[in-house]
N, C-alpha and C. Protein backbone atom coordinates (compact mmCIF):
# COMPACT_ATOMS: atom_id res chain seq x y z
N MET A 1 -21.10 3.41 53.02
CA MET A 1 -19.94 2.48 53.59
C MET A 1 -19.08 3.15 54.45
N GLU A 2 -19.12 2.97 55.61
CA GLU A 2 -18.10 3.90 56.58
C GLU A 2 -16.92 3.01 56.17
N ALA A 3 -15.78 3.88 56.21
CA ALA A 3 -14.43 3.43 56.06
C ALA A 3 -14.25 3.04 57.63
N GLN A 4 -13.16 2.01 57.65
CA GLN A 4 -12.60 1.76 58.60
C GLN A 4 -11.24 1.69 58.97
N TYR A 5 -11.14 2.64 59.82
CA TYR A 5 -9.48 2.82 60.57
C TYR A 5 -9.12 2.13 61.46
N ALA A 6 -7.50 1.81 61.21
CA ALA A 6 -7.13 1.04 62.11
C ALA A 6 -6.55 2.10 63.63
N PRO A 7 -6.68 1.37 64.73
CA PRO A 7 -5.82 2.19 65.77
C PRO A 7 -4.86 2.27 65.68
N PRO A 8 -4.02 3.49 66.11
CA PRO A 8 -2.59 3.88 65.58
C PRO A 8 -1.87 2.72 66.39
N SER A 9 -0.91 2.33 65.93
CA SER A 9 0.21 1.40 66.82
C SER A 9 0.75 2.07 68.06
N ALA A 10 0.66 1.24 69.31
CA ALA A 10 1.57 2.33 70.41
C ALA A 10 3.14 2.54 70.18
N THR A 11 3.45 3.40 70.15
CA THR A 11 4.46 3.60 70.42
C THR A 11 5.73 3.20 71.74
N PRO A 12 6.40 2.42 71.83
CA PRO A 12 7.70 1.99 72.89
C PRO A 12 7.74 3.09 73.16
N PRO A 13 8.00 3.04 74.73
CA PRO A 13 8.63 4.48 75.27
C PRO A 13 10.04 4.18 75.33
N GLN A 14 11.02 5.45 75.11
CA GLN A 14 12.12 5.19 74.68
C GLN A 14 13.00 4.96 76.31
N TYR A 15 13.77 4.04 76.29
CA TYR A 15 14.97 4.22 77.40
C TYR A 15 15.59 5.48 77.57
N PRO A 16 15.40 5.59 78.87
CA PRO A 16 15.59 6.95 79.46
C PRO A 16 17.21 7.45 79.24
N ILE A 17 18.28 6.56 78.40
CA ILE A 17 19.78 6.88 78.08
C ILE A 17 19.75 6.74 76.75
N ARG A 18 19.86 7.71 76.11
CA ARG A 18 19.93 7.74 74.36
C ARG A 18 21.61 8.20 74.23
N TYR A 19 21.91 7.47 73.30
CA TYR A 19 23.08 7.39 72.78
C TYR A 19 23.61 7.44 71.10
N SER A 20 24.19 8.30 70.46
CA SER A 20 24.11 8.33 68.76
C SER A 20 25.39 9.25 68.90
N VAL A 21 25.80 8.87 67.55
CA VAL A 21 27.13 9.48 66.97
C VAL A 21 26.56 9.82 65.67
N GLU A 22 26.94 11.29 65.14
CA GLU A 22 27.28 11.77 63.89
C GLU A 22 27.91 10.59 62.71
N TYR A 23 27.39 9.96 62.00
CA TYR A 23 28.18 9.53 60.85
C TYR A 23 29.23 10.19 60.08
N PRO A 24 30.37 10.32 59.72
CA PRO A 24 31.39 11.07 59.18
C PRO A 24 31.48 11.03 57.92
N ASP A 25 30.03 11.37 56.87
CA ASP A 25 30.17 10.91 55.52
C ASP A 25 31.02 11.92 54.65
N ARG A 26 32.31 11.16 54.86
CA ARG A 26 33.68 12.25 53.86
C ARG A 26 34.80 11.65 54.46
N ASP A 27 35.71 12.06 53.50
CA ASP A 27 36.80 11.78 53.99
C ASP A 27 37.44 12.27 55.11
N LEU A 28 38.02 11.32 55.61
CA LEU A 28 38.61 11.55 57.22
C LEU A 28 40.30 12.04 56.90
N ASN A 29 40.71 12.73 58.20
CA ASN A 29 42.19 13.20 57.94
C ASN A 29 43.14 12.13 57.98
N ARG A 30 43.70 11.43 57.04
CA ARG A 30 44.34 10.12 57.19
C ARG A 30 45.61 10.52 58.07
N LEU A 31 46.22 11.62 58.19
CA LEU A 31 47.34 12.13 58.96
C LEU A 31 46.82 12.03 60.74
N THR A 32 46.20 12.91 60.90
CA THR A 32 45.37 12.71 62.26
C THR A 32 45.08 11.07 62.94
N THR A 33 44.39 10.23 61.57
CA THR A 33 44.00 9.65 61.78
C THR A 33 45.21 8.37 62.32
N PHE A 34 46.42 8.28 61.42
CA PHE A 34 47.54 7.56 61.62
C PHE A 34 48.36 8.03 63.03
N PHE A 35 48.14 9.07 63.32
CA PHE A 35 48.95 9.29 64.40
C PHE A 35 47.65 9.74 65.63
N ARG A 36 46.42 9.30 65.82
CA ARG A 36 45.42 9.21 66.68
C ARG A 36 46.12 8.85 68.06
N ILE A 37 46.55 7.97 68.15
CA ILE A 37 47.14 7.73 69.91
C ILE A 37 47.78 8.74 70.05
N PHE A 38 48.77 9.91 69.64
CA PHE A 38 49.26 10.94 69.98
C PHE A 38 48.45 12.26 70.18
N THR A 39 47.87 12.38 69.37
CA THR A 39 47.29 13.69 69.22
C THR A 39 45.96 13.43 69.98
N VAL A 40 45.39 12.49 70.67
CA VAL A 40 44.37 12.73 71.59
C VAL A 40 44.85 13.12 73.32
N ILE A 41 46.32 12.85 73.52
CA ILE A 41 46.72 12.86 74.59
C ILE A 41 46.49 14.17 75.38
N PRO A 42 46.73 15.55 74.63
CA PRO A 42 46.28 16.67 75.72
C PRO A 42 45.00 16.26 75.93
N ILE A 43 43.87 16.01 75.11
CA ILE A 43 42.51 16.24 75.69
C ILE A 43 42.42 14.92 76.71
N ALA A 44 43.34 13.93 76.62
CA ALA A 44 43.09 12.87 77.69
C ALA A 44 43.51 13.26 78.71
N ILE A 45 44.33 14.37 78.86
CA ILE A 45 44.93 14.69 79.98
C ILE A 45 43.72 15.32 80.65
N VAL A 46 43.56 16.60 79.99
CA VAL A 46 42.24 17.29 80.60
C VAL A 46 40.88 16.50 81.05
N LEU A 47 40.84 15.62 80.56
CA LEU A 47 39.59 15.01 80.95
C LEU A 47 39.97 13.70 81.89
N GLY A 48 41.36 13.91 82.25
CA GLY A 48 42.06 12.79 83.54
C GLY A 48 41.68 13.92 84.81
N THR A 49 42.01 15.12 84.53
CA THR A 49 41.99 16.32 85.99
C THR A 49 40.46 16.49 86.01
N VAL A 50 39.71 15.89 85.12
CA VAL A 50 38.00 15.87 85.47
C VAL A 50 37.54 14.79 85.77
N ALA A 51 38.01 13.53 85.45
CA ALA A 51 37.46 12.32 85.74
C ALA A 51 38.27 12.02 86.96
N GLY A 52 38.69 12.45 87.75
CA GLY A 52 39.19 11.88 88.89
C GLY A 52 40.68 11.82 89.06
N GLY A 53 40.96 11.53 90.04
CA GLY A 53 42.61 11.15 90.45
C GLY A 53 43.24 12.60 91.09
N SER A 54 44.67 12.02 91.18
CA SER A 54 45.52 12.78 92.13
C SER A 54 46.85 12.67 91.72
N LEU A 55 47.60 14.05 92.08
CA LEU A 55 49.26 14.31 91.62
C LEU A 55 49.89 14.29 93.25
N THR A 56 50.89 13.62 92.99
CA THR A 56 51.59 13.62 94.66
C THR A 56 52.81 14.40 93.98
N VAL A 57 53.37 15.00 94.62
CA VAL A 57 54.65 15.56 94.41
C VAL A 57 55.97 15.53 95.80
N THR A 58 57.07 15.09 95.71
CA THR A 58 57.53 14.78 96.89
C THR A 58 58.88 15.60 96.36
N ALA A 59 58.98 16.52 97.83
CA ALA A 59 59.89 17.47 97.96
C ALA A 59 61.05 17.33 99.64
N GLY A 60 61.84 16.61 98.80
CA GLY A 60 62.61 16.00 100.66
C GLY A 60 61.82 15.17 101.26
N ARG A 61 61.56 15.97 102.42
CA ARG A 61 60.63 15.40 103.29
C ARG A 61 59.10 15.54 102.90
N HIS A 62 58.69 16.26 102.49
CA HIS A 62 57.28 17.21 102.35
C HIS A 62 56.97 16.17 101.00
N SER A 63 55.66 15.75 101.26
CA SER A 63 54.69 15.33 99.81
C SER A 63 53.62 16.30 99.99
N TYR A 64 53.23 16.58 98.72
CA TYR A 64 52.21 17.61 98.11
C TYR A 64 51.05 16.73 97.66
N GLU A 65 49.96 17.10 97.69
CA GLU A 65 49.31 16.37 96.83
C GLU A 65 47.87 17.24 96.28
N ALA A 66 47.84 17.04 94.85
CA ALA A 66 46.86 17.93 94.34
C ALA A 66 45.62 16.93 93.85
N ALA A 67 44.45 17.24 94.14
CA ALA A 67 42.86 16.55 94.17
C ALA A 67 42.89 16.82 93.01
N ALA A 68 42.22 16.02 91.99
CA ALA A 68 41.64 16.73 90.67
C ALA A 68 40.34 16.73 90.94
N ALA A 69 39.31 16.86 90.24
CA ALA A 69 37.93 16.94 89.93
C ALA A 69 37.23 15.45 90.39
N GLY A 70 36.26 15.32 91.26
CA GLY A 70 35.64 14.21 91.61
C GLY A 70 35.48 13.26 90.92
N GLY A 71 35.42 13.20 89.18
CA GLY A 71 34.49 12.34 88.15
C GLY A 71 33.19 12.44 88.55
N VAL A 72 32.56 11.11 87.79
CA VAL A 72 31.36 10.84 87.91
C VAL A 72 31.04 10.51 89.73
N LEU A 73 29.82 11.13 89.87
CA LEU A 73 29.77 11.21 91.11
C LEU A 73 28.47 10.19 91.65
N VAL A 74 29.02 8.63 92.51
CA VAL A 74 28.61 7.32 92.67
C VAL A 74 27.86 7.67 94.25
N ALA A 75 28.83 7.47 95.10
CA ALA A 75 28.29 7.25 96.38
C ALA A 75 27.27 8.46 96.94
N GLY A 76 27.43 9.91 96.68
CA GLY A 76 26.74 10.74 97.24
C GLY A 76 25.31 10.52 96.19
N PRO A 77 24.96 10.45 95.26
CA PRO A 77 23.51 10.36 94.84
C PRO A 77 23.08 8.72 95.48
N LEU A 78 23.86 7.88 95.81
CA LEU A 78 23.53 6.46 96.24
C LEU A 78 22.79 6.85 97.93
N LEU A 79 23.32 7.62 98.32
CA LEU A 79 23.17 7.57 99.97
C LEU A 79 21.70 8.83 99.85
N MET A 80 21.86 9.95 98.98
CA MET A 80 20.81 10.41 98.86
C MET A 80 19.63 9.99 98.51
N ILE A 81 19.52 9.13 97.36
CA ILE A 81 18.36 8.30 96.79
C ILE A 81 18.16 7.30 98.15
N LEU A 82 18.75 6.46 99.07
CA LEU A 82 18.78 5.90 99.90
C LEU A 82 17.90 6.29 101.27
N PHE A 83 18.77 7.48 101.72
CA PHE A 83 18.14 8.11 103.10
C PHE A 83 17.05 9.06 102.68
N ARG A 84 17.19 9.98 101.80
CA ARG A 84 16.09 11.16 101.34
C ARG A 84 15.27 11.37 100.03
N LYS A 85 15.75 9.99 99.70
CA LYS A 85 14.54 10.00 98.14
C LYS A 85 14.74 11.05 97.22
N LYS A 86 16.10 11.59 96.60
CA LYS A 86 16.18 12.72 96.32
C LYS A 86 17.85 12.22 95.42
N TYR A 87 17.65 13.13 94.26
CA TYR A 87 18.83 12.94 93.56
C TYR A 87 18.73 14.53 92.81
N PRO A 88 20.25 15.37 93.85
CA PRO A 88 20.11 16.74 93.47
C PRO A 88 20.37 16.94 91.76
N ARG A 89 19.92 17.80 91.28
CA ARG A 89 19.90 18.13 90.03
C ARG A 89 21.77 18.45 89.56
N TRP A 90 22.09 19.68 90.32
CA TRP A 90 23.14 19.98 89.89
C TRP A 90 24.58 18.58 90.01
N TRP A 91 24.24 17.94 91.00
CA TRP A 91 24.94 16.30 90.68
C TRP A 91 24.58 15.48 89.10
N PHE A 92 22.90 15.39 89.07
CA PHE A 92 22.72 14.35 87.59
C PHE A 92 23.29 15.51 86.66
N ASP A 93 23.42 16.86 86.54
CA ASP A 93 24.07 17.67 85.56
C ASP A 93 25.59 17.40 85.46
N TRP A 94 25.65 17.22 86.54
CA TRP A 94 27.89 17.11 86.54
C TRP A 94 27.97 15.56 85.82
N ASN A 95 27.30 14.69 86.44
CA ASN A 95 27.54 13.42 86.17
C ASN A 95 27.04 13.18 83.98
N LEU A 96 26.14 13.81 83.89
CA LEU A 96 25.81 13.98 82.26
C LEU A 96 27.02 14.61 81.88
N GLU A 97 27.52 15.71 81.85
CA GLU A 97 28.41 16.58 81.64
C GLU A 97 29.60 15.62 81.54
N VAL A 98 29.60 15.07 82.45
CA VAL A 98 31.34 14.20 82.58
C VAL A 98 31.60 12.97 81.39
N LEU A 99 30.10 12.27 81.72
CA LEU A 99 30.26 11.61 80.43
C LEU A 99 29.91 11.68 78.96
N ARG A 100 29.63 12.96 78.83
CA ARG A 100 29.05 13.31 77.65
C ARG A 100 31.14 13.91 77.14
N PHE A 101 31.40 14.15 77.95
CA PHE A 101 32.71 14.71 77.59
C PHE A 101 33.93 13.28 77.29
N GLN A 102 33.50 12.64 78.15
CA GLN A 102 34.16 11.19 78.19
C GLN A 102 33.99 10.58 76.51
N ALA A 103 32.43 10.58 76.37
CA ALA A 103 32.09 9.80 74.96
C ALA A 103 32.72 10.54 74.15
N ARG A 104 32.86 12.24 73.82
CA ARG A 104 33.84 12.62 73.13
C ARG A 104 35.06 12.31 72.61
N VAL A 105 35.84 12.32 73.57
CA VAL A 105 36.93 12.03 73.49
C VAL A 105 36.99 10.40 73.32
N GLY A 106 36.11 9.60 73.55
CA GLY A 106 36.39 7.78 73.48
C GLY A 106 36.01 8.04 71.96
N VAL A 107 35.10 8.44 71.08
CA VAL A 107 34.84 8.36 70.23
C VAL A 107 35.74 9.54 69.12
N TYR A 108 36.62 10.04 69.31
CA TYR A 108 37.65 10.86 68.73
C TYR A 108 38.93 9.79 68.37
N LEU A 109 38.98 9.18 70.04
CA LEU A 109 40.11 7.67 70.08
C LEU A 109 39.96 6.95 69.34
N GLY A 110 38.42 6.47 68.98
CA GLY A 110 38.03 5.64 68.32
C GLY A 110 38.20 5.47 66.92
N LEU A 111 38.51 7.04 66.16
CA LEU A 111 38.40 6.98 64.48
C LEU A 111 37.09 7.47 64.15
N MET A 112 36.22 8.01 65.11
CA MET A 112 35.10 7.72 64.04
C MET A 112 34.62 9.31 64.15
N SER A 113 35.66 10.38 64.73
CA SER A 113 35.71 11.96 63.86
C SER A 113 36.86 12.14 64.01
N ASP A 114 37.27 13.19 63.21
CA ASP A 114 38.46 13.87 63.07
C ASP A 114 38.38 15.16 63.64
N THR A 115 37.29 15.63 64.35
CA THR A 115 37.24 17.05 64.76
C THR A 115 37.43 16.56 66.41
N TYR A 116 38.43 17.45 66.76
CA TYR A 116 39.24 17.21 68.01
C TYR A 116 38.07 17.45 69.26
N PRO A 117 37.87 17.12 70.12
CA PRO A 117 36.72 17.07 71.10
C PRO A 117 36.61 18.27 71.73
N SER A 118 35.85 18.68 71.76
CA SER A 118 35.35 19.74 73.02
C SER A 118 34.98 19.79 74.14
N THR A 119 35.58 21.16 75.48
CA THR A 119 35.22 20.28 76.52
C THR A 119 33.79 20.85 76.96
N ASP A 120 33.14 21.21 75.94
CA ASP A 120 31.89 21.61 76.46
C ASP A 120 31.02 21.57 75.53
N GLU A 121 31.34 21.68 73.78
CA GLU A 121 30.01 21.60 73.16
C GLU A 121 30.33 20.15 72.60
N HIS A 122 28.89 19.81 72.69
CA HIS A 122 28.39 18.38 72.73
C HIS A 122 28.87 17.90 70.54
N GLN A 123 28.89 18.77 70.23
CA GLN A 123 29.94 17.70 68.52
C GLN A 123 28.89 17.27 67.96
N TYR A 124 29.80 16.14 67.41
CA TYR A 124 29.27 15.10 66.70
C TYR A 124 28.70 13.71 67.89
N VAL A 125 28.79 13.89 69.39
CA VAL A 125 28.02 12.94 70.09
C VAL A 125 26.69 13.76 70.75
N GLN A 126 25.78 12.43 70.63
CA GLN A 126 24.31 12.78 71.47
C GLN A 126 24.50 12.05 72.30
N LEU A 127 24.41 12.24 73.74
CA LEU A 127 23.86 11.61 74.68
C LEU A 127 22.93 12.39 75.67
N ASP A 128 21.95 11.52 76.03
CA ASP A 128 20.91 12.26 76.90
C ASP A 128 20.50 11.39 77.54
N ILE A 129 20.10 12.05 78.76
CA ILE A 129 19.28 10.91 80.08
C ILE A 129 18.20 11.83 80.80
N ASP A 130 17.52 11.40 80.91
CA ASP A 130 16.06 11.72 81.55
C ASP A 130 16.32 12.03 82.88
N TYR A 131 16.21 12.77 83.22
CA TYR A 131 16.31 13.76 84.98
C TYR A 131 14.92 12.87 85.41
N PRO A 132 15.77 11.70 86.35
CA PRO A 132 14.57 11.10 87.32
C PRO A 132 13.71 11.67 88.07
N ASP A 133 12.42 11.35 87.76
CA ASP A 133 11.06 11.56 89.18
C ASP A 133 11.61 10.45 90.41
N VAL A 134 12.30 10.83 91.55
CA VAL A 134 12.90 10.06 92.10
C VAL A 134 11.94 9.40 93.23
N GLU A 135 10.81 10.20 93.53
CA GLU A 135 9.68 9.68 93.94
C GLU A 135 9.10 8.25 93.54
N ARG A 136 9.03 8.63 92.17
CA ARG A 136 8.26 8.04 91.63
C ARG A 136 8.32 6.76 90.49
N ASP A 137 10.32 7.27 90.26
CA ASP A 137 11.09 6.09 89.14
C ASP A 137 11.85 5.48 89.98
N LEU A 138 12.36 5.53 91.04
CA LEU A 138 13.47 5.38 91.60
C LEU A 138 13.10 4.22 93.26
N GLY A 139 13.61 3.24 93.10
CA GLY A 139 13.27 2.48 94.41
C GLY A 139 14.32 2.66 95.24
N ARG A 140 14.09 2.87 96.58
CA ARG A 140 15.25 3.63 97.82
C ARG A 140 15.87 2.20 97.84
N GLY A 141 15.96 1.22 97.98
CA GLY A 141 16.83 0.53 98.02
C GLY A 141 17.79 -0.19 96.71
N MET A 142 17.40 0.13 95.59
CA MET A 142 17.54 -0.30 94.54
C MET A 142 19.02 0.31 94.27
N PRO A 143 19.42 1.28 94.77
CA PRO A 143 21.10 1.41 94.81
C PRO A 143 22.28 0.50 94.80
N LEU A 144 21.49 -0.32 96.17
CA LEU A 144 22.41 -1.05 96.59
C LEU A 144 22.58 -2.82 95.83
N VAL A 145 21.58 -2.62 95.11
CA VAL A 145 21.81 -4.21 94.74
C VAL A 145 21.99 -3.88 92.86
N LYS A 146 21.88 -2.64 92.22
CA LYS A 146 21.95 -2.41 90.78
C LYS A 146 23.24 -3.05 90.17
N TRP A 147 24.05 -2.73 91.07
CA TRP A 147 25.66 -3.25 90.82
C TRP A 147 25.56 -4.80 90.09
N LEU A 148 24.78 -5.37 91.01
CA LEU A 148 24.95 -6.70 91.31
C LEU A 148 24.00 -7.29 90.27
N LEU A 149 23.06 -6.65 90.21
CA LEU A 149 22.14 -7.25 88.75
C LEU A 149 22.71 -6.97 87.50
N ALA A 150 23.56 -5.75 87.42
CA ALA A 150 24.07 -5.56 86.35
C ALA A 150 25.16 -6.76 85.57
N ILE A 151 25.28 -7.71 86.66
CA ILE A 151 26.76 -8.32 86.35
C ILE A 151 26.67 -9.00 85.01
N PRO A 152 25.49 -9.67 84.69
CA PRO A 152 25.05 -10.35 83.04
C PRO A 152 25.85 -9.08 81.78
N HIS A 153 25.55 -7.92 82.12
CA HIS A 153 25.86 -7.11 81.26
C HIS A 153 27.29 -6.58 81.44
N TYR A 154 27.99 -6.88 82.29
CA TYR A 154 29.49 -6.55 82.58
C TYR A 154 30.28 -7.85 81.42
N ILE A 155 29.72 -8.62 81.66
CA ILE A 155 29.97 -10.11 81.08
C ILE A 155 30.00 -9.84 79.49
N VAL A 156 28.57 -9.74 79.16
CA VAL A 156 28.75 -9.20 77.89
C VAL A 156 29.63 -8.04 76.93
N LEU A 157 29.89 -6.86 77.88
CA LEU A 157 30.53 -5.90 77.81
C LEU A 157 31.96 -6.03 77.38
N ILE A 158 32.46 -7.09 78.37
CA ILE A 158 34.36 -7.55 78.01
C ILE A 158 34.16 -7.59 76.47
N ALA A 159 33.09 -8.79 76.12
CA ALA A 159 33.09 -9.37 74.74
C ALA A 159 33.02 -8.12 73.48
N LEU A 160 32.25 -7.32 73.95
CA LEU A 160 31.84 -6.17 73.02
C LEU A 160 33.00 -5.25 72.68
N TYR A 161 33.67 -4.84 74.14
CA TYR A 161 34.99 -4.30 74.15
C TYR A 161 35.86 -4.72 73.08
N ILE A 162 36.37 -6.37 73.62
CA ILE A 162 37.34 -6.62 72.73
C ILE A 162 36.96 -6.65 70.73
N GLY A 163 35.53 -6.61 70.70
CA GLY A 163 35.21 -6.30 69.10
C GLY A 163 35.59 -5.23 68.88
N ALA A 164 35.31 -4.32 69.63
CA ALA A 164 35.61 -2.67 69.80
C ALA A 164 37.01 -2.75 68.95
N ILE A 165 37.59 -3.03 69.86
CA ILE A 165 39.29 -2.99 69.38
C ILE A 165 39.89 -3.12 68.37
N PHE A 166 39.10 -4.56 67.94
CA PHE A 166 39.18 -4.95 66.38
C PHE A 166 38.65 -4.04 65.78
N ALA A 167 37.68 -3.72 65.68
CA ALA A 167 36.66 -2.59 65.10
C ALA A 167 37.54 -1.46 64.32
N VAL A 168 38.21 -0.68 65.77
CA VAL A 168 39.05 0.25 65.76
C VAL A 168 40.21 -0.23 64.65
N ILE A 169 40.77 -1.11 65.02
CA ILE A 169 42.28 -1.35 63.97
C ILE A 169 41.96 -1.25 62.71
N GLY A 170 40.31 -2.42 62.24
CA GLY A 170 40.51 -2.32 60.99
C GLY A 170 39.87 -0.87 60.25
N ALA A 171 39.09 -0.26 60.99
CA ALA A 171 38.93 0.95 60.43
C ALA A 171 40.18 1.68 60.39
N TRP A 172 40.94 1.89 61.42
CA TRP A 172 42.16 2.29 60.87
C TRP A 172 43.22 2.07 59.59
N PHE A 173 43.20 1.05 59.62
CA PHE A 173 43.27 0.77 58.10
C PHE A 173 42.15 1.19 56.95
N ALA A 174 41.25 0.99 57.16
CA ALA A 174 40.82 1.34 55.91
C ALA A 174 40.80 2.72 55.89
N ILE A 175 40.64 3.52 56.91
CA ILE A 175 40.91 5.01 56.50
C ILE A 175 42.28 5.60 55.85
N LEU A 176 43.16 4.80 56.53
CA LEU A 176 44.53 5.09 55.56
C LEU A 176 44.23 5.17 54.31
N PHE A 177 43.74 4.01 54.15
CA PHE A 177 43.85 3.05 52.38
C PHE A 177 42.92 3.94 51.47
N THR A 178 41.50 4.15 52.25
CA THR A 178 40.11 4.68 51.64
C THR A 178 39.98 6.16 51.83
N GLY A 179 40.36 6.69 53.16
CA GLY A 179 39.70 7.51 53.63
C GLY A 179 38.07 7.97 54.43
N ARG A 180 37.72 6.82 54.34
CA ARG A 180 36.24 6.56 54.99
C ARG A 180 36.25 5.69 56.25
N PHE A 181 35.28 5.57 56.92
CA PHE A 181 35.19 4.81 58.26
C PHE A 181 34.21 3.90 57.64
N PRO A 182 34.21 2.53 57.76
CA PRO A 182 33.08 1.57 57.28
C PRO A 182 32.03 1.70 57.94
N ARG A 183 30.85 1.89 57.09
CA ARG A 183 29.43 1.96 58.38
C ARG A 183 29.43 0.83 58.82
N GLY A 184 29.33 -0.42 58.67
CA GLY A 184 29.12 -0.95 59.18
C GLY A 184 30.18 -1.37 60.65
N LEU A 185 31.42 -0.91 60.77
CA LEU A 185 32.20 -1.19 62.09
C LEU A 185 31.47 0.14 62.73
N PHE A 186 31.39 1.41 62.22
CA PHE A 186 31.04 2.80 63.13
C PHE A 186 29.69 2.29 63.76
N ASP A 187 28.65 1.60 62.87
CA ASP A 187 27.53 1.35 63.60
C ASP A 187 27.38 0.47 64.97
N TYR A 188 28.43 -0.70 64.66
CA TYR A 188 28.74 -1.67 65.85
C TYR A 188 29.51 -0.55 67.05
N LEU A 189 30.27 0.27 66.97
CA LEU A 189 31.19 0.83 67.70
C LEU A 189 30.36 1.85 68.40
N VAL A 190 29.12 2.15 68.01
CA VAL A 190 27.89 3.21 68.50
C VAL A 190 27.08 2.13 69.02
N GLY A 191 26.97 1.34 68.81
CA GLY A 191 26.00 0.52 69.40
C GLY A 191 26.86 -0.02 70.86
N VAL A 192 27.70 -0.33 70.67
CA VAL A 192 28.80 -0.40 71.88
C VAL A 192 28.87 0.32 72.92
N GLY A 193 29.17 1.81 72.09
CA GLY A 193 28.69 3.40 73.06
C GLY A 193 27.51 3.15 74.15
N ARG A 194 26.62 2.99 73.15
CA ARG A 194 24.95 2.91 73.54
C ARG A 194 25.01 1.72 74.51
N TRP A 195 25.36 0.82 74.50
CA TRP A 195 25.18 -0.26 75.31
C TRP A 195 25.98 0.28 76.82
N HIS A 196 27.33 0.64 76.60
CA HIS A 196 28.20 0.85 77.74
C HIS A 196 27.37 2.18 78.58
N ASN A 197 26.85 2.93 78.17
CA ASN A 197 26.26 4.12 78.54
C ASN A 197 25.20 3.54 79.69
N ARG A 198 24.19 2.65 78.76
CA ARG A 198 23.05 2.66 79.59
C ARG A 198 23.31 1.79 80.74
N VAL A 199 24.27 0.96 80.79
CA VAL A 199 25.01 0.08 81.69
C VAL A 199 25.19 1.22 82.75
N VAL A 200 26.22 2.00 82.61
CA VAL A 200 26.77 2.99 83.47
C VAL A 200 25.52 4.08 83.99
N GLY A 201 24.80 4.52 83.32
CA GLY A 201 23.47 5.21 83.79
C GLY A 201 22.52 4.32 84.83
N TYR A 202 22.57 2.79 84.55
CA TYR A 202 21.90 2.01 85.58
C TYR A 202 22.48 1.55 86.88
N ALA A 203 23.53 1.35 86.66
CA ALA A 203 24.29 0.66 87.63
C ALA A 203 25.07 1.87 88.62
N LEU A 204 26.00 3.08 87.85
CA LEU A 204 26.25 3.93 88.54
C LEU A 204 25.80 4.72 88.69
N LEU A 205 25.21 5.85 87.60
CA LEU A 205 24.81 6.91 87.82
C LEU A 205 23.61 6.77 88.85
N MET A 206 22.50 5.49 88.66
CA MET A 206 21.57 5.21 89.16
C MET A 206 20.32 6.33 88.76
N VAL A 207 20.01 6.48 87.44
CA VAL A 207 19.48 7.47 87.23
C VAL A 207 17.70 6.54 86.64
N THR A 208 17.68 5.47 86.68
CA THR A 208 16.69 4.87 86.31
C THR A 208 16.59 3.32 86.80
N ASP A 209 15.74 2.97 87.22
CA ASP A 209 15.52 1.35 87.55
C ASP A 209 15.14 0.33 86.39
N GLN A 210 15.02 0.65 85.33
CA GLN A 210 14.47 0.04 83.86
C GLN A 210 15.70 -0.65 83.85
N TYR A 211 15.59 -1.91 83.80
CA TYR A 211 16.95 -2.67 83.59
C TYR A 211 17.39 -2.59 81.78
N PRO A 212 18.72 -2.28 81.58
CA PRO A 212 18.96 -1.88 80.43
C PRO A 212 18.53 -3.47 79.52
N PRO A 213 18.60 -2.65 78.17
CA PRO A 213 18.44 -3.84 77.07
C PRO A 213 19.55 -4.44 76.79
N PHE A 214 19.32 -6.10 76.41
CA PHE A 214 20.38 -6.29 75.63
C PHE A 214 20.57 -6.50 74.34
N ALA A 215 20.89 -5.17 73.79
CA ALA A 215 20.91 -4.65 72.46
C ALA A 215 21.71 -3.55 71.89
N LEU A 216 22.32 -3.85 71.13
CA LEU A 216 23.27 -2.55 70.43
C LEU A 216 22.43 -1.27 69.79
N THR A 217 20.99 -1.45 69.27
CA THR A 217 20.38 -0.73 68.60
C THR A 217 19.87 0.25 69.80
N PRO A 218 19.16 1.11 68.95
CA PRO A 218 18.31 2.01 70.09
C PRO A 218 17.29 1.90 70.88
């Protein structure tokens, strides 16, 4: 009698934007947690110079303006996809690294790690985005409507952000009293970050035409 073998189940393809944070399975630093809103200031200033903005200094009748780096590139990729069906790789790499830097600072501010954020090392945050095959995967006119199609996600994210604020407050007290970040709150914050990055990648970075799932899970 021949053995019967069931065909292997097909694994659904991963969404092209993936985000996770390493859970700190240890006691966190209570002192830096207590003063986190102050300890994050230096790296937040560095992030601000990279993420965009300008500084204007007025001396007498003269004004001098120093522009920071351009932050996440949106208009350039939009125009290139629309008119040339191209997404320059170095623009993609720049956007990805800016998002990774923002994520590290956000995770640190959210008390999910007491290791100070690096400007270049990935550390405890894993954010990966698949480089798109523009000719095959991206529609020429989609960048013009993605921001509109993502409106339902914006509405849900507002509610999730509010929940994230309360989660961080609850975690702040938990760390001060126990030294540990509650795993349930941690997973919720990771899920919010995952949802946020998927929407940013879809609507702003325009790296995929796959509509983001309404889910906190991978």
